Protein backbone atom coordinates (compact mmCIF):
# COMPACT_ATOMS: atom_id res chain seq x y z
CA MET A 1 22.06 56.39 14.82
CA GLU A 2 23.63 56.88 18.28
CA PHE A 3 27.27 56.93 18.96
CA LYS A 4 29.22 56.40 22.11
CA LYS A 5 30.25 59.71 23.55
CA GLU A 6 33.97 58.75 22.92
CA PHE A 7 33.25 58.84 19.33
CA THR A 8 31.55 62.17 19.02
CA ALA A 9 32.70 65.62 18.21
CA GLY A 10 31.52 69.30 18.17
CA ILE A 11 32.81 72.05 15.93
CA ILE A 12 32.93 75.65 17.12
CA ILE A 13 33.40 78.20 14.40
CA ILE A 14 34.61 81.51 15.73
CA GLY A 15 34.39 84.73 13.99
CA ASN A 16 32.47 87.85 13.53
CA GLU A 17 33.30 87.71 9.78
CA ILE A 18 31.32 84.45 9.48
CA LEU A 19 28.30 85.82 11.35
CA SER A 20 28.19 88.79 9.17
CA GLY A 21 28.13 87.00 5.97
CA ARG A 22 31.41 88.50 4.91
CA THR A 23 33.17 85.21 4.87
CA VAL A 24 31.88 81.79 3.96
CA ASP A 25 32.64 79.03 6.33
CA LYS A 26 34.65 76.16 4.56
CA ASN A 27 36.09 74.56 7.49
CA THR A 28 32.99 72.55 8.83
CA SER A 29 32.88 70.56 5.75
CA PHE A 30 36.52 69.77 5.85
CA ILE A 31 36.67 68.77 9.50
CA ALA A 32 33.34 66.87 9.40
CA THR A 33 34.43 64.77 6.37
CA TRP A 34 37.72 64.03 8.09
CA LEU A 35 35.98 62.85 11.21
CA ASN A 36 33.54 60.88 9.47
CA GLU A 37 36.27 58.84 7.77
CA LYS A 38 37.65 58.19 11.28
CA GLY A 39 34.49 56.89 12.56
CA ILE A 40 33.58 60.09 14.64
CA SER A 41 30.19 61.54 14.58
CA VAL A 42 29.94 65.31 14.53
CA GLU A 43 26.93 66.00 16.78
CA GLU A 44 26.84 69.68 16.64
CA VAL A 45 28.36 72.68 14.98
CA ARG A 46 27.93 76.27 16.27
CA VAL A 47 29.12 79.66 14.98
CA ILE A 48 29.97 82.28 17.56
CA PRO A 49 31.37 85.79 17.74
CA ASP A 50 34.88 86.88 18.85
CA LYS A 51 33.51 87.49 22.29
CA GLU A 52 35.49 85.85 25.28
CA GLN A 53 32.64 84.80 27.69
CA ILE A 54 30.73 83.28 24.61
CA ILE A 55 33.87 81.35 23.60
CA ILE A 56 34.44 80.07 27.23
CA ASP A 57 30.93 79.05 27.89
CA THR A 58 30.54 77.30 24.47
CA VAL A 59 33.70 75.46 24.91
CA ASN A 60 32.74 74.27 28.33
CA GLU A 61 29.28 73.18 27.12
CA PHE A 62 30.69 71.16 24.31
CA ARG A 63 33.37 69.70 26.52
CA SER A 64 30.50 68.27 28.80
CA LYS A 65 28.68 66.64 25.74
CA PHE A 66 31.42 65.34 23.29
CA ALA A 67 34.80 63.57 23.17
CA TYR A 68 36.49 66.01 20.83
CA ILE A 69 36.02 69.72 20.47
CA PHE A 70 37.50 71.68 17.45
CA THR A 71 37.47 75.48 17.26
CA THR A 72 38.48 77.41 14.21
CA GLY A 73 39.46 81.09 13.89
CA GLY A 74 40.63 83.76 16.29
CA ILE A 75 44.29 82.70 16.74
CA GLY A 76 45.84 85.44 14.48
CA PRO A 77 47.85 88.52 15.32
CA THR A 78 45.13 91.08 15.61
CA HIS A 79 43.34 92.58 18.53
CA ASP A 80 40.01 90.57 17.89
CA ASP A 81 42.05 87.16 17.87
CA ILE A 82 41.08 86.19 21.33
CA THR A 83 40.46 82.44 20.99
CA SER A 84 43.76 81.32 22.59
CA GLU A 85 43.49 83.65 25.61
CA SER A 86 39.81 82.45 26.04
CA ILE A 87 40.95 78.78 25.98
CA SER A 88 43.50 79.48 28.56
CA LYS A 89 40.60 80.72 30.87
CA VAL A 90 38.59 77.55 30.16
CA PHE A 91 41.45 75.36 31.55
CA ASN A 92 42.39 77.94 34.12
CA GLN A 93 45.93 77.97 32.79
CA LYS A 94 48.38 81.06 32.33
CA TYR A 95 48.29 82.37 28.89
CA GLN A 96 51.92 82.73 27.92
CA TYR A 97 54.53 82.32 25.15
CA HIS A 98 55.06 78.68 24.10
CA LYS A 99 58.79 78.37 23.61
CA GLU A 100 58.75 76.09 20.50
CA ALA A 101 56.09 78.17 18.88
CA TYR A 102 57.87 81.33 19.57
CA LYS A 103 61.08 79.87 18.07
CA LEU A 104 59.21 78.81 14.98
CA LEU A 105 57.90 82.32 14.43
CA GLU A 106 61.10 83.96 15.19
CA ASP A 107 62.85 81.91 12.60
CA TYR A 108 60.09 82.45 10.05
CA TYR A 109 60.22 86.11 10.33
CA LYS A 110 64.03 86.38 10.70
CA ASN A 111 64.22 88.69 7.80
CA GLN A 112 61.05 90.62 8.59
CA ASP A 113 59.68 92.68 11.40
CA PHE A 114 58.86 90.24 14.35
CA ASN A 115 56.43 92.51 15.85
CA GLU A 116 54.00 92.25 18.74
CA GLY A 117 51.17 90.88 16.64
CA ARG A 118 53.32 88.05 15.16
CA LYS A 119 54.72 87.41 18.65
CA LYS A 120 51.10 87.01 19.86
CA MET A 121 50.44 83.94 17.74
CA ALA A 122 52.93 82.08 19.91
CA LYS A 123 50.75 82.77 23.06
CA MET A 124 48.69 79.98 24.25
CA PRO A 125 47.79 78.05 27.36
CA GLU A 126 50.79 76.96 29.52
CA ASN A 127 50.11 73.23 28.91
CA ALA A 128 49.19 73.42 25.32
CA LYS A 129 50.75 70.97 22.90
CA LEU A 130 51.43 72.20 19.28
CA ILE A 131 49.54 71.37 16.06
CA PRO A 132 52.28 71.92 13.31
CA ASN A 133 51.55 74.52 10.54
CA PRO A 134 53.90 73.70 7.66
CA LYS A 135 52.46 76.84 5.71
CA THR A 136 53.08 79.81 7.95
CA PHE A 137 54.52 78.23 11.00
CA ALA A 138 51.94 79.88 13.38
CA ALA A 139 50.92 76.66 15.13
CA GLY A 140 47.65 75.68 16.29
CA PHE A 141 47.48 73.78 19.75
CA TYR A 142 45.39 71.48 21.82
CA VAL A 143 44.71 71.12 25.51
CA GLU A 144 43.23 67.83 26.75
CA ASN A 145 40.27 67.41 24.27
CA VAL A 146 40.08 70.80 22.70
CA PHE A 147 41.85 71.41 19.43
CA VAL A 148 42.43 74.95 18.45
CA LEU A 149 42.90 75.67 14.66
CA PRO A 150 43.03 78.68 12.49
CA GLY A 151 40.16 79.98 10.50
CA VAL A 152 41.97 80.25 7.04
CA PRO A 153 40.84 77.07 5.23
CA ASN A 154 43.92 76.31 3.24
CA ILE A 155 46.14 76.52 6.32
CA LEU A 156 43.78 74.66 8.41
CA GLN A 157 43.56 71.77 5.78
CA VAL A 158 47.42 71.14 6.00
CA MET A 159 47.29 71.07 9.84
CA VAL A 160 44.30 68.58 10.46
CA PRO A 161 46.31 65.61 9.18
CA TYR A 162 48.75 66.04 11.97
CA LEU A 163 45.93 64.99 14.37
CA ASP A 164 45.49 61.49 12.78
CA LYS A 165 47.65 59.94 15.32
CA ILE A 166 46.23 61.77 18.33
CA ILE A 167 42.48 61.20 17.60
CA LYS A 168 41.17 57.72 18.37
CA ASN A 169 39.34 56.10 15.45
CA GLY A 170 35.79 54.81 15.82
CA LYS A 171 33.94 52.23 13.62
CA LYS A 172 33.87 53.09 10.07
CA ILE A 173 30.76 54.93 9.16
CA LEU A 174 29.19 53.35 6.11
CA SER A 175 27.16 55.44 3.71
CA ILE A 176 24.80 54.37 0.93
CA SER A 177 23.28 56.83 -1.60
CA ILE A 178 20.19 55.87 -3.47
CA ASP A 179 18.63 58.16 -6.10
CA SER A 180 14.87 57.40 -6.03
CA GLY A 181 13.84 59.55 -8.94
CA LEU A 182 10.67 60.52 -6.81
CA ARG A 183 9.50 63.44 -5.23
CA GLU A 184 10.35 63.49 -1.50
CA SER A 185 6.51 63.84 -0.49
CA VAL A 186 5.72 60.54 -2.21
CA LEU A 187 8.06 58.67 -0.16
CA ALA A 188 7.73 60.48 3.23
CA ASP A 189 5.24 58.35 5.25
CA ARG A 190 6.66 54.99 4.32
CA LEU A 191 10.27 56.16 4.75
CA SER A 192 9.23 57.29 8.35
CA GLU A 193 8.13 53.66 9.00
CA ILE A 194 11.50 52.34 7.76
CA GLN A 195 13.27 54.86 9.91
CA ASN A 196 11.37 53.84 13.01
CA LYS A 197 12.29 50.04 12.26
CA TYR A 198 16.02 50.82 11.88
CA LYS A 199 16.94 52.96 14.85
CA ASN A 200 20.76 52.57 14.35
CA ILE A 201 20.55 53.84 10.67
CA ASP A 202 20.47 57.53 9.73
CA ILE A 203 18.29 58.03 6.74
CA GLY A 204 18.69 61.42 5.06
CA SER A 205 16.32 62.65 2.45
CA TYR A 206 17.64 65.17 -0.02
CA PRO A 207 15.38 66.61 -2.65
CA TYR A 208 16.50 67.90 -5.98
CA PHE A 209 15.23 69.45 -9.10
CA LYS A 210 17.13 68.83 -12.30
CA ASP A 211 15.10 68.00 -15.38
CA LYS A 212 12.33 66.79 -12.90
CA PRO A 213 12.07 66.68 -9.27
CA GLY A 214 13.70 63.71 -7.45
CA THR A 215 15.11 62.84 -4.14
CA VAL A 216 18.45 61.22 -2.89
CA LEU A 217 18.25 58.93 0.05
CA VAL A 218 21.37 58.66 2.08
CA LEU A 219 21.74 55.78 4.75
CA ARG A 220 24.49 56.08 7.29
CA SER A 221 25.44 53.61 9.94
CA VAL A 222 28.43 51.69 11.40
CA ASP A 223 26.40 48.46 11.27
CA GLU A 224 26.97 46.65 7.91
CA ILE A 225 24.33 44.07 8.27
CA GLN A 226 21.68 46.43 9.25
CA ILE A 227 22.44 48.98 6.61
CA LYS A 228 22.18 46.46 3.81
CA LYS A 229 18.82 45.16 5.19
CA CYS A 230 17.63 48.81 5.24
CA GLU A 231 18.95 49.46 1.74
CA THR A 232 16.80 46.53 0.46
CA GLU A 233 13.79 47.91 2.15
CA VAL A 234 14.17 51.27 0.76
CA LYS A 235 14.72 50.08 -2.79
CA LYS A 236 11.66 47.87 -2.48
CA LEU A 237 9.65 51.18 -1.38
CA ILE A 238 10.98 53.04 -4.34
CA GLN A 239 9.84 50.23 -6.65
CA ILE A 240 6.33 50.50 -5.42
CA TYR A 241 5.97 54.02 -6.80
CA LYS A 242 8.02 53.68 -10.05
């Protein structure tokens, strides 16, 4: 299934803690599910370290390929949170305090020490637009088609809905799941033939083992007529081996 570039996205997960295995990435699933509901296809996900040049190079590469780029992680108060400054360099913009972001944090920490680390969370590219954070008021931001979000899942999840009015919707991606009850190897050859026939349908094959082995087949497409035809053929194939 191919999508026009305007309805594609890439996700960049930034953080040494993900690469080391210390932290499990939960953000990809959330963002991808949300984008899928908006008719936007996630074409690539990449996990990279907190290294400036790698961040810059990866963001630039993704910008050349996809309509929307989402980064998570690296916008906190510590020395290794370098995503915001790296994005400034991607766009050749000054890395500076955003007045509104600074005021939000200043008010939030009014009865606490508003130290340099906390102030740092208000620094971003000079032309950045804020993504509100109703939990801790440390805003995310976006510049053009690059959306910069925190790595903490429960914070990211309350921020993403604010992007609904910014991100253009594509055609709804339809999904049909069929539990074949058959081993994947039984279906493989004939399933390939069906996939070759329906180029605009993604046919995923997901084996499982419960009481006995089986396979769930998932069809995905924006074409309602074709996905129904494909579903009929897949079900006929399953019946041959039942």
